[in-house]
């Protein structure tokens, strides 16, 4: 059965014009991160020792086991729309073309995450029949992919705030636009409720991170602060923030040239805080000061996950 016929049989309506197979590199096409050695169906097939498929679009390529072709064809248009939405907000493209691997479940070393515009997930996200979002609402579960894409957009700007909370927060806006469904919205609400509770515990504990919570959850405080700033500022919060970031692009680029050392990271954090502080009416620096959150030192530099951290954010 042909791909389009198969999709129709599954009740899927999707424009296939944006999905192509095995296009050659060059000819003006975007490049992948240089360390990404597996970029074709043949190379991925060799890596997983079974037939593979490559679905390609202008900004995203998916490599997956061949039996999951139909599911990948469902997911790709959502991710292309997410890419477009992220670009509208951030105003710059990712440094490289997004490359998504759907490694077979159980592949050693594959635990999710992204680096250099390469997203390494297992193929679990392509088993649509196992997803309540799909079976109940005919929307694939793509929030994880979109979050990883958002991290790459943020990385392209150099902005830094609260580990990955810029990317995570941005991804929730985009998910609500292009893949909203009651299950996702409930999950998001539960996550934000957890952030609210963590914030309240932080305040009740004298602006020290609660001792009963794992240290790697400290960026819930940053997520809370970003969300409250967005609520107070209004619908243009993210676009105006990234507009301010773009105006400081030379400074961000200069800081990135220093690598990921503490001083370079702290410089990017300070630049980001300055950009947030430029948004009219927010007084973002004052919010941080009143919250006992540093205006100059990134949370990573405080080493909260190492022994001896004093549970403070400044």
Protein backbone atom coordinates (compact mmCIF):
# COMPACT_ATOMS: atom_id res chain seq x y z
CA UNK A 1 0.00 0.00 0.00
CA UNK A 2 1.32 3.45 -0.90
CA UNK A 3 2.14 5.92 1.85
CA UNK A 4 -0.74 8.29 1.09
CA UNK A 5 -3.21 5.38 0.91
CA UNK A 6 -1.92 4.05 4.22
CA UNK A 7 -2.32 7.43 5.88
CA UNK A 8 -5.85 7.70 4.55
CA UNK A 9 -6.66 4.25 5.89
CA UNK A 10 -5.48 5.41 9.30
CA UNK A 11 -7.75 8.44 9.15
CA UNK A 12 -4.82 10.83 8.82
CA UNK A 13 -5.13 14.00 6.80
CA UNK A 14 -1.76 15.50 6.14
CA UNK A 15 -0.20 17.45 3.30
CA UNK A 16 2.49 15.22 1.84
CA UNK A 17 3.90 17.91 -0.43
CA UNK A 18 6.33 18.95 2.29
CA UNK A 19 7.58 15.42 2.88
CA UNK A 20 10.21 14.06 0.53
CA UNK A 21 12.57 11.13 0.55
CA UNK A 22 16.35 11.01 0.22
CA UNK A 23 17.30 14.37 -1.21
CA UNK A 24 20.98 14.92 -2.01
CA UNK A 25 23.05 17.27 0.08
CA UNK A 26 24.14 20.57 -1.45
CA UNK A 27 22.02 22.58 -3.84
CA UNK A 28 21.37 25.18 -1.16
CA UNK A 29 20.02 22.72 1.39
CA UNK A 30 20.80 23.32 5.06
CA UNK A 31 23.73 21.50 6.62
CA UNK A 32 23.77 19.26 9.67
CA UNK A 33 26.02 19.57 12.69
CA UNK A 34 29.44 18.38 11.44
CA UNK A 35 29.73 15.65 14.09
CA UNK A 36 26.43 14.08 12.96
CA UNK A 37 27.80 11.18 10.93
CA UNK A 38 24.50 9.36 10.39
CA UNK A 39 22.34 11.50 8.10
CA UNK A 40 20.84 9.09 5.56
CA UNK A 41 18.48 6.13 5.62
CA UNK A 42 21.30 3.84 4.50
CA UNK A 43 23.59 4.96 7.31
CA UNK A 44 20.82 4.68 9.91
CA UNK A 45 19.86 1.24 8.60
CA UNK A 46 23.45 0.13 9.05
CA UNK A 47 23.47 1.53 12.59
CA UNK A 48 20.26 -0.17 13.72
CA UNK A 49 20.79 -3.35 11.66
CA UNK A 50 17.34 -3.20 10.09
CA UNK A 51 15.61 -1.28 7.26
CA UNK A 52 15.27 2.44 7.88
CA UNK A 53 13.47 5.39 6.33
CA UNK A 54 14.38 9.05 5.94
CA UNK A 55 11.69 11.73 5.88
CA UNK A 56 12.97 15.13 4.94
CA UNK A 57 11.73 18.71 4.85
CA UNK A 58 13.31 22.14 4.60
CA UNK A 59 14.39 22.37 8.24
CA UNK A 60 13.97 18.89 9.71
CA UNK A 61 15.00 15.34 8.86
CA UNK A 62 13.71 12.24 10.64
CA UNK A 63 15.50 8.89 10.53
CA UNK A 64 13.43 5.96 11.80
CA UNK A 65 12.94 2.22 11.44
CA UNK A 66 11.06 1.62 8.19
CA UNK A 67 7.93 0.09 9.78
CA UNK A 68 7.34 3.50 11.42
CA UNK A 69 7.25 5.42 8.13
CA UNK A 70 3.57 6.29 8.45
CA UNK A 71 3.94 7.58 12.00
CA UNK A 72 6.97 9.67 11.08
CA UNK A 73 4.95 11.11 8.20
CA UNK A 74 2.28 12.16 10.69
CA UNK A 75 4.78 13.75 13.08
CA UNK A 76 6.93 15.64 10.58
CA UNK A 77 4.33 18.24 9.49
CA UNK A 78 3.65 19.09 13.15
CA UNK A 79 7.35 19.64 13.71
CA UNK A 80 7.68 21.78 10.59
CA UNK A 81 4.83 23.97 11.82
CA UNK A 82 6.49 24.11 15.23
CA UNK A 83 9.76 25.16 13.59
CA UNK A 84 7.95 27.96 11.75
CA UNK A 85 6.26 29.15 14.96
CA UNK A 86 9.54 29.11 16.86
CA UNK A 87 11.21 31.08 14.11
CA UNK A 88 8.43 33.68 14.16
CA UNK A 89 9.01 34.21 17.88
CA UNK A 90 12.80 33.95 18.11
CA UNK A 91 13.64 35.61 14.81
CA UNK A 92 16.71 33.50 14.00
CA UNK A 93 17.06 30.00 12.60
CA UNK A 94 18.71 27.12 14.40
CA UNK A 95 22.42 26.90 13.70
CA UNK A 96 21.99 23.65 11.77
CA UNK A 97 19.18 21.68 10.23
CA UNK A 98 17.30 19.66 12.85
CA UNK A 99 18.15 15.96 12.70
CA UNK A 100 15.88 13.59 14.64
CA UNK A 101 16.82 9.98 15.33
CA UNK A 102 14.19 7.45 16.32
CA UNK A 103 16.48 4.77 17.71
CA UNK A 104 14.93 1.38 18.48
CA UNK A 105 13.87 1.06 22.11
CA UNK A 106 16.73 -0.25 24.22
CA UNK A 107 19.53 1.24 22.13
CA UNK A 108 22.44 1.86 24.56
CA UNK A 109 23.10 5.49 25.41
CA UNK A 110 19.85 6.86 23.98
CA UNK A 111 18.01 8.69 26.74
CA UNK A 112 16.55 11.67 24.91
CA UNK A 113 17.93 15.17 24.72
CA UNK A 114 19.58 17.32 22.09
CA UNK A 115 22.96 18.74 21.20
CA UNK A 116 24.00 20.66 18.11
CA UNK A 117 20.52 20.41 16.55
CA UNK A 118 20.62 16.61 16.79
CA UNK A 119 17.72 15.08 18.74
CA UNK A 120 18.21 11.53 19.98
CA UNK A 121 14.98 9.80 21.01
CA UNK A 122 13.86 6.21 20.96
CA UNK A 123 11.19 5.14 18.51
CA UNK A 124 8.64 5.00 21.36
CA UNK A 125 7.29 8.41 20.32
CA UNK A 126 6.39 7.02 16.90
CA UNK A 127 4.17 4.23 18.21
CA UNK A 128 1.08 6.40 17.90
CA UNK A 129 -1.31 3.61 18.79
CA UNK A 130 0.16 3.64 22.32
CA UNK A 131 -0.43 7.37 22.79
CA UNK A 132 -3.63 8.56 24.44
CA UNK A 133 -3.22 11.93 22.73
CA UNK A 134 -3.41 10.14 19.39
CA UNK A 135 -6.04 7.52 20.12
CA UNK A 136 -8.39 9.99 21.82
CA UNK A 137 -7.73 13.25 19.97
CA UNK A 138 -5.81 12.31 16.82
CA UNK A 139 -2.91 14.54 17.81
CA UNK A 140 0.54 12.91 18.07
CA UNK A 141 2.60 13.37 21.21
CA UNK A 142 5.20 15.86 19.98
CA UNK A 143 5.84 18.08 23.02
CA UNK A 144 9.22 16.45 23.70
CA UNK A 145 10.43 16.99 20.16
CA UNK A 146 9.24 20.60 20.22
CA UNK A 147 11.00 21.28 23.52
CA UNK A 148 14.28 19.99 22.09
CA UNK A 149 13.79 22.16 19.00
CA UNK A 150 13.11 25.18 21.20
CA UNK A 151 16.38 24.59 23.08
CA UNK A 152 18.21 24.74 19.77
CA UNK A 153 16.51 28.00 18.84
CA UNK A 154 17.46 29.53 22.19
CA UNK A 155 21.01 28.24 21.83
CA UNK A 156 21.27 29.98 18.45
CA UNK A 157 20.64 33.31 20.19
CA UNK A 158 23.05 32.72 23.08
CA UNK A 159 20.39 33.56 25.69
CA UNK A 160 20.70 31.80 29.07
CA UNK A 161 18.29 31.66 32.00
CA UNK A 162 17.63 28.86 34.45
CA UNK A 163 19.25 25.86 32.80
CA UNK A 164 16.73 25.07 30.05
CA UNK A 165 13.76 27.12 31.18
CA UNK A 166 13.81 29.54 28.24
CA UNK A 167 13.48 26.65 25.82
CA UNK A 168 10.96 24.76 27.91
CA UNK A 169 8.76 27.82 28.43
CA UNK A 170 8.92 28.73 24.75
CA UNK A 171 8.02 25.19 23.71
CA UNK A 172 4.83 25.25 25.79
CA UNK A 173 3.61 28.28 23.85
CA UNK A 174 4.22 26.56 20.54
CA UNK A 175 2.73 23.23 21.63
CA UNK A 176 -0.46 24.99 22.61
CA UNK A 177 -0.64 26.51 19.14
CA UNK A 178 0.03 23.51 16.95
CA UNK A 179 -0.57 20.33 18.98
CA UNK A 180 -3.00 21.29 21.73
CA UNK A 181 -5.26 18.63 23.21
CA UNK A 182 -6.79 18.03 26.65
CA UNK A 183 -4.14 15.51 27.71
CA UNK A 184 -1.26 17.84 26.90
CA UNK A 185 -3.00 20.80 28.53
CA UNK A 186 -3.59 18.79 31.71
CA UNK A 187 0.05 17.71 31.80
CA UNK A 188 1.17 21.32 31.35
CA UNK A 189 -1.19 22.47 34.08
CA UNK A 190 0.16 19.82 36.45
CA UNK A 191 3.74 20.88 35.72
CA UNK A 192 2.96 24.55 36.31
CA UNK A 193 1.14 23.68 39.52
CA UNK A 194 4.30 21.91 40.68
CA UNK A 195 6.31 25.03 39.86
CA UNK A 196 3.87 27.15 41.85
CA UNK A 197 4.14 24.83 44.84
CA UNK A 198 7.94 24.84 44.62
CA UNK A 199 7.92 28.64 44.52
CA UNK A 200 5.70 28.84 47.58
CA UNK A 201 7.91 26.38 49.45
CA UNK A 202 10.94 28.45 48.44
CA UNK A 203 9.35 31.60 49.87
CA UNK A 204 8.17 29.82 53.03
CA UNK A 205 11.70 28.47 53.52
CA UNK A 206 13.18 31.97 53.67
CA UNK A 207 14.04 32.08 49.94
CA UNK A 208 16.10 28.93 50.20
CA UNK A 209 15.40 26.00 47.94
CA UNK A 210 13.35 23.43 49.90
CA UNK A 211 15.55 20.67 51.36
CA UNK A 212 13.00 17.98 50.47
CA UNK A 213 13.28 18.65 46.73
CA UNK A 214 16.05 17.39 44.43
CA UNK A 215 18.57 20.09 43.58
CA UNK A 216 18.13 19.55 39.85
CA UNK A 217 14.60 20.94 40.18
CA UNK A 218 15.86 24.37 41.24
CA UNK A 219 15.09 25.82 37.81
CA UNK A 220 11.40 25.53 38.66
CA UNK A 221 11.98 28.90 40.33
CA UNK A 222 13.19 30.35 37.03
CA UNK A 223 10.25 28.84 35.17
CA UNK A 224 7.86 30.42 37.66
CA UNK A 225 9.51 33.83 37.30
CA UNK A 226 9.36 33.68 33.50
CA UNK A 227 5.71 32.66 33.51
CA UNK A 228 4.73 35.44 35.90
CA UNK A 229 6.67 37.96 33.81
CA UNK A 230 4.84 36.79 30.70
CA UNK A 231 1.47 37.03 32.41
CA UNK A 232 2.21 40.57 33.59
CA UNK A 233 3.70 41.76 30.30
CA UNK A 234 1.18 40.29 27.88
CA UNK A 235 1.08 38.34 24.64
CA UNK A 236 4.16 39.96 23.09
CA UNK A 237 6.46 38.91 25.94
CA UNK A 238 8.46 36.32 24.03
CA UNK A 239 8.69 38.14 20.71
CA UNK A 240 9.72 41.38 22.43
CA UNK A 241 12.27 39.57 24.58
CA UNK A 242 13.92 37.90 21.60
CA UNK A 243 13.84 41.18 19.72
CA UNK A 244 15.91 42.64 22.57
CA UNK A 245 18.24 39.61 22.41
CA UNK A 246 18.79 40.06 18.68
CA UNK A 247 19.81 43.67 19.23
CA UNK A 248 22.55 42.38 21.53
CA UNK A 249 23.61 39.61 19.17
CA UNK A 250 27.18 40.84 18.83
CA UNK A 251 27.64 40.69 22.60
CA UNK A 252 26.12 37.21 22.80
CA UNK A 253 28.33 35.96 19.96
CA UNK A 254 31.41 37.39 21.68
CA UNK A 255 30.48 35.60 24.91
CA UNK A 256 29.96 32.30 23.09
CA UNK A 257 33.46 32.58 21.66
CA UNK A 258 34.65 32.13 25.26
CA UNK A 259 33.05 28.68 25.39
CA UNK A 260 30.90 27.24 28.19
CA UNK A 261 33.14 28.22 31.08
CA UNK A 262 31.67 29.82 34.19
CA UNK A 263 32.62 33.39 33.22
CA UNK A 264 31.21 33.01 29.69
CA UNK A 265 28.02 31.41 31.00
CA UNK A 266 27.58 34.16 33.57
CA UNK A 267 28.10 36.80 30.89
CA UNK A 268 25.34 35.29 28.74
CA UNK A 269 23.12 35.15 31.80
CA UNK A 270 23.76 38.82 32.58
CA UNK A 271 23.03 39.78 28.99
CA UNK A 272 19.79 37.79 29.11
CA UNK A 273 18.71 39.46 32.34
CA UNK A 274 19.45 42.86 30.78
CA UNK A 275 17.26 41.97 27.79
CA UNK A 276 14.42 40.89 30.08
CA UNK A 277 14.88 44.06 32.09
CA UNK A 278 14.44 46.18 28.95
CA UNK A 279 10.83 45.06 28.54
CA UNK A 280 8.72 48.07 29.60
CA UNK A 281 7.06 47.81 32.98
CA UNK A 282 8.59 44.49 34.04
CA UNK A 283 11.49 45.68 36.21
CA UNK A 284 12.84 42.18 35.83
CA UNK A 285 16.04 42.82 37.75
CA UNK A 286 14.02 44.04 40.70
CA UNK A 287 11.91 40.89 40.52
CA UNK A 288 15.05 38.78 40.73
CA UNK A 289 16.47 40.82 43.59
CA UNK A 290 13.21 40.59 45.55
CA UNK A 291 13.19 36.84 44.90
CA UNK A 292 16.81 36.40 46.08
CA UNK A 293 17.79 35.17 42.61
CA UNK A 294 21.11 36.37 41.24
CA UNK A 295 21.10 38.99 38.49
CA UNK A 296 24.67 38.17 37.47
CA UNK A 297 25.43 34.50 38.12
CA UNK A 298 23.85 31.63 36.18
CA UNK A 299 22.34 28.84 38.25
CA UNK A 300 24.83 26.35 36.77
CA UNK A 301 27.71 28.38 38.21
CA UNK A 302 26.25 27.94 41.70
CA UNK A 303 26.67 24.16 41.21
CA UNK A 304 23.41 23.20 42.90
CA UNK A 305 23.76 19.49 42.13
CA UNK A 306 27.14 19.22 43.84
CA UNK A 307 27.69 18.60 47.57
CA UNK A 308 27.89 21.72 49.67
CA UNK A 309 25.36 23.87 47.83
CA UNK A 310 23.73 26.22 50.35
CA UNK A 311 20.29 26.00 48.66
CA UNK A 312 20.49 29.69 47.74
CA UNK A 313 20.03 31.12 44.24
CA UNK A 314 22.51 33.96 44.57
